Amino acid sequence: MIALLIALLLVWLVLVIVGLVAKGLFWLFVVGAILFVATAIVLWVRRRV
């Protein structure tokens, strides 16, 4: 499960980078950033429990 969450973090990070590089895809940056933070929080909570 942790491997899946880490893989998701990497996917969201790629989306954030693509959103920053492509000027018309700012929405992709926002969505990727939100999903990255949400997944990081889930990973942090699961590792503490």
N, C-alpha and C. Protein backbone atom coordinates (compact mmCIF):
# COMPACT_ATOMS: atom_id res chain seq x y z
N MET A 1 0.82 -1.20 0.00
CA MET A 1 0.00 0.00 0.00
C MET A 1 0.87 1.26 0.00
N ILE A 2 1.95 1.21 0.76
CA ILE A 2 2.82 2.38 0.81
C ILE A 2 3.49 2.61 -0.53
N ALA A 3 3.82 1.51 -1.22
CA ALA A 3 4.44 1.64 -2.55
C ALA A 3 3.48 2.31 -3.52
N LEU A 4 2.21 1.99 -3.43
CA LEU A 4 1.20 2.61 -4.28
C LEU A 4 1.11 4.11 -4.00
N LEU A 5 1.12 4.48 -2.74
CA LEU A 5 1.04 5.90 -2.38
C LEU A 5 2.28 6.66 -2.85
N ILE A 6 3.43 6.04 -2.75
CA ILE A 6 4.65 6.69 -3.23
C ILE A 6 4.61 6.85 -4.75
N ALA A 7 4.09 5.83 -5.44
CA ALA A 7 3.93 5.93 -6.89
C ALA A 7 2.97 7.05 -7.25
N LEU A 8 1.89 7.19 -6.49
CA LEU A 8 0.95 8.29 -6.73
C LEU A 8 1.61 9.64 -6.51
N LEU A 9 2.45 9.75 -5.48
CA LEU A 9 3.17 10.99 -5.24
C LEU A 9 4.02 11.36 -6.44
N LEU A 10 4.68 10.37 -7.02
CA LEU A 10 5.51 10.64 -8.20
C LEU A 10 4.66 11.07 -9.40
N VAL A 11 3.51 10.44 -9.58
CA VAL A 11 2.61 10.83 -10.68
C VAL A 11 2.13 12.26 -10.49
N TRP A 12 1.72 12.60 -9.28
CA TRP A 12 1.23 13.96 -9.01
C TRP A 12 2.35 14.97 -9.21
N LEU A 13 3.57 14.61 -8.84
CA LEU A 13 4.71 15.51 -9.04
C LEU A 13 4.96 15.76 -10.53
N VAL A 14 4.84 14.73 -11.34
CA VAL A 14 4.98 14.90 -12.79
C VAL A 14 3.89 15.83 -13.32
N LEU A 15 2.65 15.64 -12.84
CA LEU A 15 1.56 16.51 -13.28
C LEU A 15 1.82 17.97 -12.91
N VAL A 16 2.36 18.19 -11.72
CA VAL A 16 2.68 19.55 -11.28
C VAL A 16 3.74 20.16 -12.19
N ILE A 17 4.76 19.40 -12.51
CA ILE A 17 5.84 19.92 -13.36
C ILE A 17 5.32 20.23 -14.76
N VAL A 18 4.51 19.32 -15.32
CA VAL A 18 3.93 19.57 -16.65
C VAL A 18 3.03 20.79 -16.61
N GLY A 19 2.27 20.95 -15.55
CA GLY A 19 1.41 22.11 -15.41
C GLY A 19 2.18 23.42 -15.33
N LEU A 20 3.36 23.38 -14.74
CA LEU A 20 4.18 24.59 -14.66
C LEU A 20 4.86 24.90 -15.99
N VAL A 21 5.29 23.86 -16.69
CA VAL A 21 6.02 24.06 -17.94
C VAL A 21 5.09 24.53 -19.06
N ALA A 22 3.93 23.91 -19.18
CA ALA A 22 2.99 24.27 -20.23
C ALA A 22 2.12 25.43 -19.74
N LYS A 23 2.20 26.54 -20.42
CA LYS A 23 1.53 27.75 -19.94
C LYS A 23 0.01 27.62 -19.89
N GLY A 24 -0.58 26.87 -20.82
CA GLY A 24 -2.03 26.74 -20.86
C GLY A 24 -2.58 25.71 -19.89
N LEU A 25 -1.69 25.03 -19.18
CA LEU A 25 -2.13 23.96 -18.29
C LEU A 25 -1.94 24.30 -16.82
N PHE A 26 -2.23 25.53 -16.45
CA PHE A 26 -2.09 25.92 -15.05
C PHE A 26 -3.04 25.12 -14.17
N TRP A 27 -4.21 24.76 -14.72
CA TRP A 27 -5.16 23.97 -13.95
C TRP A 27 -4.57 22.62 -13.58
N LEU A 28 -3.71 22.07 -14.45
CA LEU A 28 -3.06 20.81 -14.16
C LEU A 28 -2.11 20.95 -12.98
N PHE A 29 -1.45 22.08 -12.89
CA PHE A 29 -0.58 22.37 -11.75
C PHE A 29 -1.39 22.39 -10.45
N VAL A 30 -2.52 23.06 -10.48
CA VAL A 30 -3.35 23.18 -9.28
C VAL A 30 -3.88 21.81 -8.85
N VAL A 31 -4.42 21.06 -9.80
CA VAL A 31 -4.95 19.73 -9.47
C VAL A 31 -3.84 18.81 -8.98
N GLY A 32 -2.70 18.83 -9.65
CA GLY A 32 -1.58 17.99 -9.24
C GLY A 32 -1.08 18.35 -7.85
N ALA A 33 -1.01 19.64 -7.57
CA ALA A 33 -0.55 20.08 -6.24
C ALA A 33 -1.51 19.64 -5.14
N ILE A 34 -2.80 19.78 -5.39
CA ILE A 34 -3.80 19.36 -4.40
C ILE A 34 -3.73 17.85 -4.16
N LEU A 35 -3.64 17.08 -5.24
CA LEU A 35 -3.55 15.63 -5.10
C LEU A 35 -2.25 15.21 -4.44
N PHE A 36 -1.15 15.91 -4.72
CA PHE A 36 0.13 15.61 -4.10
C PHE A 36 0.05 15.81 -2.59
N VAL A 37 -0.50 16.93 -2.18
CA VAL A 37 -0.61 17.21 -0.74
C VAL A 37 -1.54 16.22 -0.06
N ALA A 38 -2.66 15.90 -0.70
CA ALA A 38 -3.61 14.95 -0.11
C ALA A 38 -2.98 13.57 0.04
N THR A 39 -2.26 13.12 -0.97
CA THR A 39 -1.61 11.81 -0.90
C THR A 39 -0.50 11.81 0.14
N ALA A 40 0.24 12.90 0.25
CA ALA A 40 1.30 12.99 1.26
C ALA A 40 0.71 12.93 2.67
N ILE A 41 -0.43 13.55 2.87
CA ILE A 41 -1.08 13.51 4.18
C ILE A 41 -1.53 12.09 4.50
N VAL A 42 -2.12 11.41 3.53
CA VAL A 42 -2.55 10.02 3.73
C VAL A 42 -1.35 9.14 4.07
N LEU A 43 -0.27 9.31 3.34
CA LEU A 43 0.94 8.52 3.59
C LEU A 43 1.49 8.81 4.98
N TRP A 44 1.50 10.06 5.38
CA TRP A 44 2.01 10.44 6.70
C TRP A 44 1.14 9.84 7.81
N VAL A 45 -0.19 9.89 7.64
CA VAL A 45 -1.09 9.33 8.65
C VAL A 45 -0.93 7.82 8.74
N ARG A 46 -0.81 7.14 7.60
CA ARG A 46 -0.67 5.68 7.62
C ARG A 46 0.65 5.25 8.26
N ARG A 47 1.69 6.02 8.09
CA ARG A 47 2.99 5.65 8.67
C ARG A 47 3.01 5.89 10.18
N ARG A 48 2.19 6.80 10.66
CA ARG A 48 2.15 7.07 12.11
C ARG A 48 1.30 6.04 12.85
N VAL A 49 0.38 5.40 12.17
CA VAL A 49 -0.55 4.47 12.83
C VAL A 49 0.03 3.08 12.93
